[in-house]
mmCIF file of all heavy atoms, coordinates in Angstrom:
data_MODEL
# 
_entry.id   MODEL 
# 
loop_
_atom_site.group_PDB 
_atom_site.id 
_atom_site.type_symbol 
_atom_site.label_atom_id 
_atom_site.label_alt_id 
_atom_site.label_comp_id 
_atom_site.label_asym_id 
_atom_site.label_entity_id 
_atom_site.label_seq_id 
_atom_site.pdbx_PDB_ins_code 
_atom_site.Cartn_x 
_atom_site.Cartn_y 
_atom_site.Cartn_z 
_atom_site.occupancy 
_atom_site.B_iso_or_equiv 
_atom_site.pdbx_formal_charge 
_atom_site.auth_seq_id 
_atom_site.auth_comp_id 
_atom_site.auth_asym_id 
_atom_site.auth_atom_id 
_atom_site.pdbx_PDB_model_num 
ATOM 1   N N   . TYR A 1 1  ? -16.685 -10.820 5.245  1.00 0.00 ? 1  TYR A N   1 
ATOM 2   C CA  . TYR A 1 1  ? -16.761 -11.234 6.731  1.00 0.00 ? 1  TYR A CA  1 
ATOM 3   C C   . TYR A 1 1  ? -16.471 -12.735 6.898  1.00 0.00 ? 1  TYR A C   1 
ATOM 4   O O   . TYR A 1 1  ? -15.614 -13.107 7.805  1.00 0.00 ? 1  TYR A O   1 
ATOM 5   C CB  . TYR A 1 1  ? -18.144 -10.831 7.285  1.00 0.00 ? 1  TYR A CB  1 
ATOM 6   C CG  . TYR A 1 1  ? -18.431 -11.335 8.711  1.00 0.00 ? 1  TYR A CG  1 
ATOM 7   C CD1 . TYR A 1 1  ? -17.856 -10.669 9.808  1.00 0.00 ? 1  TYR A CD1 1 
ATOM 8   C CD2 . TYR A 1 1  ? -19.051 -12.496 8.922  1.00 0.00 ? 1  TYR A CD2 1 
ATOM 9   C CE1 . TYR A 1 1  ? -18.010 -11.117 11.046 1.00 0.00 ? 1  TYR A CE1 1 
ATOM 10  C CE2 . TYR A 1 1  ? -19.301 -12.978 10.218 1.00 0.00 ? 1  TYR A CE2 1 
ATOM 11  C CZ  . TYR A 1 1  ? -18.774 -12.334 11.362 1.00 0.00 ? 1  TYR A CZ  1 
ATOM 12  O OH  . TYR A 1 1  ? -18.939 -12.719 12.645 1.00 0.00 ? 1  TYR A OH  1 
ATOM 13  N N   . THR A 1 2  ? -17.022 -13.537 6.030  1.00 0.00 ? 2  THR A N   1 
ATOM 14  C CA  . THR A 1 2  ? -16.805 -15.001 6.217  1.00 0.00 ? 2  THR A CA  1 
ATOM 15  C C   . THR A 1 2  ? -15.385 -15.360 5.965  1.00 0.00 ? 2  THR A C   1 
ATOM 16  O O   . THR A 1 2  ? -14.828 -16.169 6.630  1.00 0.00 ? 2  THR A O   1 
ATOM 17  C CB  . THR A 1 2  ? -17.686 -15.679 5.161  1.00 0.00 ? 2  THR A CB  1 
ATOM 18  O OG1 . THR A 1 2  ? -19.135 -15.402 5.248  1.00 0.00 ? 2  THR A OG1 1 
ATOM 19  C CG2 . THR A 1 2  ? -17.503 -17.181 5.157  1.00 0.00 ? 2  THR A CG2 1 
ATOM 20  N N   . LYS A 1 3  ? -14.724 -14.668 4.950  1.00 0.00 ? 3  LYS A N   1 
ATOM 21  C CA  . LYS A 1 3  ? -13.363 -14.916 4.670  1.00 0.00 ? 3  LYS A CA  1 
ATOM 22  C C   . LYS A 1 3  ? -12.424 -14.516 5.892  1.00 0.00 ? 3  LYS A C   1 
ATOM 23  O O   . LYS A 1 3  ? -11.501 -15.136 6.228  1.00 0.00 ? 3  LYS A O   1 
ATOM 24  C CB  . LYS A 1 3  ? -12.936 -14.123 3.497  1.00 0.00 ? 3  LYS A CB  1 
ATOM 25  C CG  . LYS A 1 3  ? -11.467 -14.466 2.924  1.00 0.00 ? 3  LYS A CG  1 
ATOM 26  C CD  . LYS A 1 3  ? -11.161 -13.775 1.686  1.00 0.00 ? 3  LYS A CD  1 
ATOM 27  C CE  . LYS A 1 3  ? -9.630  -14.103 1.266  1.00 0.00 ? 3  LYS A CE  1 
ATOM 28  N NZ  . LYS A 1 3  ? -9.407  -13.465 -0.100 1.00 0.00 ? 3  LYS A NZ  1 
ATOM 29  N N   . ALA A 1 4  ? -12.730 -13.368 6.454  1.00 0.00 ? 4  ALA A N   1 
ATOM 30  C CA  . ALA A 1 4  ? -12.011 -12.829 7.613  1.00 0.00 ? 4  ALA A CA  1 
ATOM 31  C C   . ALA A 1 4  ? -12.217 -13.662 8.813  1.00 0.00 ? 4  ALA A C   1 
ATOM 32  O O   . ALA A 1 4  ? -11.213 -14.052 9.512  1.00 0.00 ? 4  ALA A O   1 
ATOM 33  C CB  . ALA A 1 4  ? -12.444 -11.335 7.898  1.00 0.00 ? 4  ALA A CB  1 
ATOM 34  N N   . MET A 1 5  ? -13.436 -14.191 8.985  1.00 0.00 ? 5  MET A N   1 
ATOM 35  C CA  . MET A 1 5  ? -13.587 -15.077 10.110 1.00 0.00 ? 5  MET A CA  1 
ATOM 36  C C   . MET A 1 5  ? -12.866 -16.445 9.972  1.00 0.00 ? 5  MET A C   1 
ATOM 37  O O   . MET A 1 5  ? -12.332 -17.000 11.013 1.00 0.00 ? 5  MET A O   1 
ATOM 38  C CB  . MET A 1 5  ? -15.038 -15.359 10.325 1.00 0.00 ? 5  MET A CB  1 
ATOM 39  C CG  . MET A 1 5  ? -15.863 -14.178 10.959 1.00 0.00 ? 5  MET A CG  1 
ATOM 40  S SD  . MET A 1 5  ? -15.201 -13.848 12.711 1.00 0.00 ? 5  MET A SD  1 
ATOM 41  C CE  . MET A 1 5  ? -15.489 -15.307 13.489 1.00 0.00 ? 5  MET A CE  1 
ATOM 42  N N   . GLY A 1 6  ? -12.833 -16.954 8.758  1.00 0.00 ? 6  GLY A N   1 
ATOM 43  C CA  . GLY A 1 6  ? -12.172 -18.159 8.481  1.00 0.00 ? 6  GLY A CA  1 
ATOM 44  C C   . GLY A 1 6  ? -10.572 -17.906 8.741  1.00 0.00 ? 6  GLY A C   1 
ATOM 45  O O   . GLY A 1 6  ? -9.999  -18.812 9.306  1.00 0.00 ? 6  GLY A O   1 
ATOM 46  N N   . LYS A 1 7  ? -10.011 -16.793 8.321  1.00 0.00 ? 7  LYS A N   1 
ATOM 47  C CA  . LYS A 1 7  ? -8.620  -16.538 8.564  1.00 0.00 ? 7  LYS A CA  1 
ATOM 48  C C   . LYS A 1 7  ? -8.378  -16.452 9.990  1.00 0.00 ? 7  LYS A C   1 
ATOM 49  O O   . LYS A 1 7  ? -7.304  -16.930 10.512 1.00 0.00 ? 7  LYS A O   1 
ATOM 50  C CB  . LYS A 1 7  ? -8.307  -15.235 7.924  1.00 0.00 ? 7  LYS A CB  1 
ATOM 51  C CG  . LYS A 1 7  ? -6.869  -14.736 8.072  1.00 0.00 ? 7  LYS A CG  1 
ATOM 52  C CD  . LYS A 1 7  ? -5.813  -15.761 7.428  1.00 0.00 ? 7  LYS A CD  1 
ATOM 53  C CE  . LYS A 1 7  ? -4.361  -15.335 7.503  1.00 0.00 ? 7  LYS A CE  1 
ATOM 54  N NZ  . LYS A 1 7  ? -3.402  -16.239 7.053  1.00 0.00 ? 7  LYS A NZ  1 
ATOM 55  N N   . TYR A 1 8  ? -9.255  -15.737 10.788 1.00 0.00 ? 8  TYR A N   1 
ATOM 56  C CA  . TYR A 1 8  ? -9.164  -15.562 12.203 1.00 0.00 ? 8  TYR A CA  1 
ATOM 57  C C   . TYR A 1 8  ? -9.138  -16.897 12.814 1.00 0.00 ? 8  TYR A C   1 
ATOM 58  O O   . TYR A 1 8  ? -8.275  -17.241 13.827 1.00 0.00 ? 8  TYR A O   1 
ATOM 59  C CB  . TYR A 1 8  ? -10.361 -14.755 12.707 1.00 0.00 ? 8  TYR A CB  1 
ATOM 60  C CG  . TYR A 1 8  ? -10.394 -14.745 14.283 1.00 0.00 ? 8  TYR A CG  1 
ATOM 61  C CD1 . TYR A 1 8  ? -9.532  -13.855 14.987 1.00 0.00 ? 8  TYR A CD1 1 
ATOM 62  C CD2 . TYR A 1 8  ? -11.328 -15.407 14.954 1.00 0.00 ? 8  TYR A CD2 1 
ATOM 63  C CE1 . TYR A 1 8  ? -9.624  -13.787 16.370 1.00 0.00 ? 8  TYR A CE1 1 
ATOM 64  C CE2 . TYR A 1 8  ? -11.381 -15.372 16.283 1.00 0.00 ? 8  TYR A CE2 1 
ATOM 65  C CZ  . TYR A 1 8  ? -10.539 -14.571 17.059 1.00 0.00 ? 8  TYR A CZ  1 
ATOM 66  O OH  . TYR A 1 8  ? -10.562 -14.438 18.386 1.00 0.00 ? 8  TYR A OH  1 
ATOM 67  N N   . LYS A 1 9  ? -10.079 -17.826 12.527 1.00 0.00 ? 9  LYS A N   1 
ATOM 68  C CA  . LYS A 1 9  ? -10.080 -19.189 13.124 1.00 0.00 ? 9  LYS A CA  1 
ATOM 69  C C   . LYS A 1 9  ? -8.852  -20.006 12.872 1.00 0.00 ? 9  LYS A C   1 
ATOM 70  O O   . LYS A 1 9  ? -8.401  -20.693 13.784 1.00 0.00 ? 9  LYS A O   1 
ATOM 71  C CB  . LYS A 1 9  ? -11.347 -19.881 12.687 1.00 0.00 ? 9  LYS A CB  1 
ATOM 72  C CG  . LYS A 1 9  ? -12.590 -19.334 13.310 1.00 0.00 ? 9  LYS A CG  1 
ATOM 73  C CD  . LYS A 1 9  ? -13.727 -20.218 12.962 1.00 0.00 ? 9  LYS A CD  1 
ATOM 74  C CE  . LYS A 1 9  ? -15.101 -19.843 13.712 1.00 0.00 ? 9  LYS A CE  1 
ATOM 75  N NZ  . LYS A 1 9  ? -16.230 -20.663 13.403 1.00 0.00 ? 9  LYS A NZ  1 
ATOM 76  N N   . VAL A 1 10 ? -8.308  -19.852 11.702 1.00 0.00 ? 10 VAL A N   1 
ATOM 77  C CA  . VAL A 1 10 ? -7.048  -20.647 11.375 1.00 0.00 ? 10 VAL A CA  1 
ATOM 78  C C   . VAL A 1 10 ? -5.954  -20.038 12.213 1.00 0.00 ? 10 VAL A C   1 
ATOM 79  O O   . VAL A 1 10 ? -5.058  -20.863 12.756 1.00 0.00 ? 10 VAL A O   1 
ATOM 80  C CB  . VAL A 1 10 ? -6.694  -20.477 9.860  1.00 0.00 ? 10 VAL A CB  1 
ATOM 81  C CG1 . VAL A 1 10 ? -5.348  -21.045 9.528  1.00 0.00 ? 10 VAL A CG1 1 
ATOM 82  C CG2 . VAL A 1 10 ? -7.776  -21.308 9.052  1.00 0.00 ? 10 VAL A CG2 1 
ATOM 83  N N   . ASN A 1 11 ? -5.854  -18.815 12.405 1.00 0.00 ? 11 ASN A N   1 
ATOM 84  C CA  . ASN A 1 11 ? -4.830  -18.214 13.247 1.00 0.00 ? 11 ASN A CA  1 
ATOM 85  C C   . ASN A 1 11 ? -4.921  -18.678 14.712 1.00 0.00 ? 11 ASN A C   1 
ATOM 86  O O   . ASN A 1 11 ? -3.911  -18.940 15.417 1.00 0.00 ? 11 ASN A O   1 
ATOM 87  C CB  . ASN A 1 11 ? -4.858  -16.621 13.182 1.00 0.00 ? 11 ASN A CB  1 
ATOM 88  C CG  . ASN A 1 11 ? -4.299  -16.053 11.906 1.00 0.00 ? 11 ASN A CG  1 
ATOM 89  O OD1 . ASN A 1 11 ? -3.476  -16.792 11.154 1.00 0.00 ? 11 ASN A OD1 1 
ATOM 90  N ND2 . ASN A 1 11 ? -4.834  -14.916 11.453 1.00 0.00 ? 11 ASN A ND2 1 
ATOM 91  N N   . GLN A 1 12 ? -6.250  -18.717 15.090 1.00 0.00 ? 12 GLN A N   1 
ATOM 92  C CA  . GLN A 1 12 ? -6.472  -19.290 16.439 1.00 0.00 ? 12 GLN A CA  1 
ATOM 93  C C   . GLN A 1 12 ? -6.119  -20.668 16.647 1.00 0.00 ? 12 GLN A C   1 
ATOM 94  O O   . GLN A 1 12 ? -5.517  -21.086 17.647 1.00 0.00 ? 12 GLN A O   1 
ATOM 95  C CB  . GLN A 1 12 ? -7.991  -19.074 16.772 1.00 0.00 ? 12 GLN A CB  1 
ATOM 96  C CG  . GLN A 1 12 ? -8.434  -17.715 17.101 1.00 0.00 ? 12 GLN A CG  1 
ATOM 97  C CD  . GLN A 1 12 ? -7.975  -17.185 18.417 1.00 0.00 ? 12 GLN A CD  1 
ATOM 98  O OE1 . GLN A 1 12 ? -6.943  -16.450 18.417 1.00 0.00 ? 12 GLN A OE1 1 
ATOM 99  N NE2 . GLN A 1 12 ? -8.540  -17.570 19.489 1.00 0.00 ? 12 GLN A NE2 1 
ATOM 100 N N   . LEU A 1 13 ? -6.189  -21.482 15.573 1.00 0.00 ? 13 LEU A N   1 
ATOM 101 C CA  . LEU A 1 13 ? -5.839  -22.923 15.547 1.00 0.00 ? 13 LEU A CA  1 
ATOM 102 C C   . LEU A 1 13 ? -4.343  -22.899 15.794 1.00 0.00 ? 13 LEU A C   1 
ATOM 103 O O   . LEU A 1 13 ? -3.794  -23.749 16.575 1.00 0.00 ? 13 LEU A O   1 
ATOM 104 C CB  . LEU A 1 13 ? -6.349  -23.580 14.332 1.00 0.00 ? 13 LEU A CB  1 
ATOM 105 C CG  . LEU A 1 13 ? -5.657  -24.892 14.019 1.00 0.00 ? 13 LEU A CG  1 
ATOM 106 C CD1 . LEU A 1 13 ? -6.180  -25.970 14.984 1.00 0.00 ? 13 LEU A CD1 1 
ATOM 107 C CD2 . LEU A 1 13 ? -5.940  -25.460 12.558 1.00 0.00 ? 13 LEU A CD2 1 
ATOM 108 N N   . LEU A 1 14 ? -3.572  -22.148 14.982 1.00 0.00 ? 14 LEU A N   1 
ATOM 109 C CA  . LEU A 1 14 ? -2.147  -22.124 15.070 1.00 0.00 ? 14 LEU A CA  1 
ATOM 110 C C   . LEU A 1 14 ? -1.754  -21.802 16.620 1.00 0.00 ? 14 LEU A C   1 
ATOM 111 O O   . LEU A 1 14 ? -0.775  -22.415 17.100 1.00 0.00 ? 14 LEU A O   1 
ATOM 112 C CB  . LEU A 1 14 ? -1.500  -21.169 14.167 1.00 0.00 ? 14 LEU A CB  1 
ATOM 113 C CG  . LEU A 1 14 ? -1.763  -21.455 12.644 1.00 0.00 ? 14 LEU A CG  1 
ATOM 114 C CD1 . LEU A 1 14 ? -1.089  -20.371 11.858 1.00 0.00 ? 14 LEU A CD1 1 
ATOM 115 C CD2 . LEU A 1 14 ? -1.434  -22.872 12.269 1.00 0.00 ? 14 LEU A CD2 1 
ATOM 116 N N   . ASN A 1 15 ? -2.325  -20.863 17.098 1.00 0.00 ? 15 ASN A N   1 
ATOM 117 C CA  . ASN A 1 15 ? -2.073  -20.367 18.471 1.00 0.00 ? 15 ASN A CA  1 
ATOM 118 C C   . ASN A 1 15 ? -2.324  -21.414 19.452 1.00 0.00 ? 15 ASN A C   1 
ATOM 119 O O   . ASN A 1 15 ? -1.650  -21.651 20.462 1.00 0.00 ? 15 ASN A O   1 
ATOM 120 C CB  . ASN A 1 15 ? -2.819  -19.113 18.790 1.00 0.00 ? 15 ASN A CB  1 
ATOM 121 C CG  . ASN A 1 15 ? -2.338  -17.818 18.061 1.00 0.00 ? 15 ASN A CG  1 
ATOM 122 O OD1 . ASN A 1 15 ? -1.106  -17.848 17.713 1.00 0.00 ? 15 ASN A OD1 1 
ATOM 123 N ND2 . ASN A 1 15 ? -3.137  -16.825 17.983 1.00 0.00 ? 15 ASN A ND2 1 
ATOM 124 N N   . GLN A 1 16 ? -3.529  -22.207 19.286 1.00 0.00 ? 16 GLN A N   1 
ATOM 125 C CA  . GLN A 1 16 ? -3.885  -23.242 20.208 1.00 0.00 ? 16 GLN A CA  1 
ATOM 126 C C   . GLN A 1 16 ? -2.849  -24.398 20.263 1.00 0.00 ? 16 GLN A C   1 
ATOM 127 O O   . GLN A 1 16 ? -2.433  -24.906 21.300 1.00 0.00 ? 16 GLN A O   1 
ATOM 128 C CB  . GLN A 1 16 ? -5.265  -23.806 19.793 1.00 0.00 ? 16 GLN A CB  1 
ATOM 129 C CG  . GLN A 1 16 ? -6.327  -22.748 20.179 1.00 0.00 ? 16 GLN A CG  1 
ATOM 130 C CD  . GLN A 1 16 ? -7.751  -23.337 19.783 1.00 0.00 ? 16 GLN A CD  1 
ATOM 131 O OE1 . GLN A 1 16 ? -7.882  -24.139 18.909 1.00 0.00 ? 16 GLN A OE1 1 
ATOM 132 N NE2 . GLN A 1 16 ? -8.828  -22.763 20.407 1.00 0.00 ? 16 GLN A NE2 1 
ATOM 133 N N   . MET A 1 17 ? -2.413  -24.769 18.976 1.00 0.00 ? 17 MET A N   1 
ATOM 134 C CA  . MET A 1 17 ? -1.516  -25.878 18.856 1.00 0.00 ? 17 MET A CA  1 
ATOM 135 C C   . MET A 1 17 ? -0.106  -25.488 19.451 1.00 0.00 ? 17 MET A C   1 
ATOM 136 O O   . MET A 1 17 ? 0.510   -26.252 20.124 1.00 0.00 ? 17 MET A O   1 
ATOM 137 C CB  . MET A 1 17 ? -1.334  -26.279 17.453 1.00 0.00 ? 17 MET A CB  1 
ATOM 138 C CG  . MET A 1 17 ? -2.552  -26.819 16.795 1.00 0.00 ? 17 MET A CG  1 
ATOM 139 S SD  . MET A 1 17 ? -3.228  -28.318 17.678 1.00 0.00 ? 17 MET A SD  1 
ATOM 140 C CE  . MET A 1 17 ? -2.144  -29.563 17.052 1.00 0.00 ? 17 MET A CE  1 
ATOM 141 N N   . ALA A 1 18 ? 0.293   -24.186 19.315 1.00 0.00 ? 18 ALA A N   1 
ATOM 142 C CA  . ALA A 1 18 ? 1.573   -23.758 19.810 1.00 0.00 ? 18 ALA A CA  1 
ATOM 143 C C   . ALA A 1 18 ? 1.544   -23.685 21.350 1.00 0.00 ? 18 ALA A C   1 
ATOM 144 O O   . ALA A 1 18 ? 2.454   -24.089 21.989 1.00 0.00 ? 18 ALA A O   1 
ATOM 145 C CB  . ALA A 1 18 ? 1.872   -22.343 19.335 1.00 0.00 ? 18 ALA A CB  1 
ATOM 146 N N   . GLU A 1 19 ? 0.331   -23.319 21.853 1.00 0.00 ? 19 GLU A N   1 
ATOM 147 C CA  . GLU A 1 19 ? 0.198   -23.150 23.249 1.00 0.00 ? 19 GLU A CA  1 
ATOM 148 C C   . GLU A 1 19 ? 0.268   -24.581 23.993 1.00 0.00 ? 19 GLU A C   1 
ATOM 149 O O   . GLU A 1 19 ? 0.848   -24.693 25.033 1.00 0.00 ? 19 GLU A O   1 
ATOM 150 C CB  . GLU A 1 19 ? -1.126  -22.439 23.706 1.00 0.00 ? 19 GLU A CB  1 
ATOM 151 C CG  . GLU A 1 19 ? -1.422  -22.300 25.135 1.00 0.00 ? 19 GLU A CG  1 
ATOM 152 C CD  . GLU A 1 19 ? -2.494  -21.444 25.497 1.00 0.00 ? 19 GLU A CD  1 
ATOM 153 O OE1 . GLU A 1 19 ? -3.185  -20.998 24.561 1.00 0.00 ? 19 GLU A OE1 1 
ATOM 154 O OE2 . GLU A 1 19 ? -2.802  -21.398 26.773 1.00 0.00 ? 19 GLU A OE2 1 
ATOM 155 N N   . LEU A 1 20 ? -0.440  -25.552 23.306 1.00 0.00 ? 20 LEU A N   1 
ATOM 156 C CA  . LEU A 1 20 ? -0.381  -26.854 23.862 1.00 0.00 ? 20 LEU A CA  1 
ATOM 157 C C   . LEU A 1 20 ? 1.042   -27.447 23.792 1.00 0.00 ? 20 LEU A C   1 
ATOM 158 O O   . LEU A 1 20 ? 1.378   -28.147 24.765 1.00 0.00 ? 20 LEU A O   1 
ATOM 159 C CB  . LEU A 1 20 ? -1.461  -27.684 23.112 1.00 0.00 ? 20 LEU A CB  1 
ATOM 160 C CG  . LEU A 1 20 ? -2.872  -27.553 23.251 1.00 0.00 ? 20 LEU A CG  1 
ATOM 161 C CD1 . LEU A 1 20 ? -3.673  -28.377 22.283 1.00 0.00 ? 20 LEU A CD1 1 
ATOM 162 C CD2 . LEU A 1 20 ? -3.308  -27.703 24.722 1.00 0.00 ? 20 LEU A CD2 1 
ATOM 163 N N   . THR A 1 21 ? 1.786   -27.229 22.778 1.00 0.00 ? 21 THR A N   1 
ATOM 164 C CA  . THR A 1 21 ? 3.128   -27.690 22.714 1.00 0.00 ? 21 THR A CA  1 
ATOM 165 C C   . THR A 1 21 ? 3.947   -27.045 23.785 1.00 0.00 ? 21 THR A C   1 
ATOM 166 O O   . THR A 1 21 ? 4.654   -27.896 24.535 1.00 0.00 ? 21 THR A O   1 
ATOM 167 C CB  . THR A 1 21 ? 3.697   -27.335 21.299 1.00 0.00 ? 21 THR A CB  1 
ATOM 168 O OG1 . THR A 1 21 ? 2.894   -27.904 20.232 1.00 0.00 ? 21 THR A OG1 1 
ATOM 169 C CG2 . THR A 1 21 ? 5.172   -27.742 21.246 1.00 0.00 ? 21 THR A CG2 1 
ATOM 170 N N   . ILE A 1 22 ? 3.855   -25.839 24.028 1.00 0.00 ? 22 ILE A N   1 
ATOM 171 C CA  . ILE A 1 22 ? 4.585   -25.159 25.103 1.00 0.00 ? 22 ILE A CA  1 
ATOM 172 C C   . ILE A 1 22 ? 4.259   -25.700 26.430 1.00 0.00 ? 22 ILE A C   1 
ATOM 173 O O   . ILE A 1 22 ? 5.118   -26.019 27.341 1.00 0.00 ? 22 ILE A O   1 
ATOM 174 C CB  . ILE A 1 22 ? 4.365   -23.663 25.107 1.00 0.00 ? 22 ILE A CB  1 
ATOM 175 C CG1 . ILE A 1 22 ? 5.031   -23.052 23.822 1.00 0.00 ? 22 ILE A CG1 1 
ATOM 176 C CG2 . ILE A 1 22 ? 4.942   -22.988 26.364 1.00 0.00 ? 22 ILE A CG2 1 
ATOM 177 C CD1 . ILE A 1 22 ? 4.743   -21.576 23.611 1.00 0.00 ? 22 ILE A CD1 1 
ATOM 178 N N   . ASN A 1 23 ? 2.951   -25.950 26.710 1.00 0.00 ? 23 ASN A N   1 
ATOM 179 C CA  . ASN A 1 23 ? 2.461   -26.482 28.040 1.00 0.00 ? 23 ASN A CA  1 
ATOM 180 C C   . ASN A 1 23 ? 2.978   -27.960 28.186 1.00 0.00 ? 23 ASN A C   1 
ATOM 181 O O   . ASN A 1 23 ? 3.296   -28.190 29.292 1.00 0.00 ? 23 ASN A O   1 
ATOM 182 C CB  . ASN A 1 23 ? 0.967   -26.438 28.032 1.00 0.00 ? 23 ASN A CB  1 
ATOM 183 C CG  . ASN A 1 23 ? 0.403   -25.007 28.203 1.00 0.00 ? 23 ASN A CG  1 
ATOM 184 O OD1 . ASN A 1 23 ? 1.157   -24.050 28.499 1.00 0.00 ? 23 ASN A OD1 1 
ATOM 185 N ND2 . ASN A 1 23 ? -0.815  -24.831 27.929 1.00 0.00 ? 23 ASN A ND2 1 
ATOM 186 N N   . ILE A 1 24 ? 3.004   -28.732 27.150 1.00 0.00 ? 24 ILE A N   1 
ATOM 187 C CA  . ILE A 1 24 ? 3.553   -30.109 27.314 1.00 0.00 ? 24 ILE A CA  1 
ATOM 188 C C   . ILE A 1 24 ? 5.030   -30.017 27.605 1.00 0.00 ? 24 ILE A C   1 
ATOM 189 O O   . ILE A 1 24 ? 5.459   -30.733 28.567 1.00 0.00 ? 24 ILE A O   1 
ATOM 190 C CB  . ILE A 1 24 ? 3.336   -30.812 26.063 1.00 0.00 ? 24 ILE A CB  1 
ATOM 191 C CG1 . ILE A 1 24 ? 1.829   -31.221 25.784 1.00 0.00 ? 24 ILE A CG1 1 
ATOM 192 C CG2 . ILE A 1 24 ? 4.038   -32.179 26.083 1.00 0.00 ? 24 ILE A CG2 1 
ATOM 193 C CD1 . ILE A 1 24 ? 1.554   -31.678 24.447 1.00 0.00 ? 24 ILE A CD1 1 
# 
């Protein structure tokens, strides 16, 4: 579970950075 959550959060980070880039 810990490993899966870590992977999920990293994927969320990538999505957040991509979204901010598009918005800029």
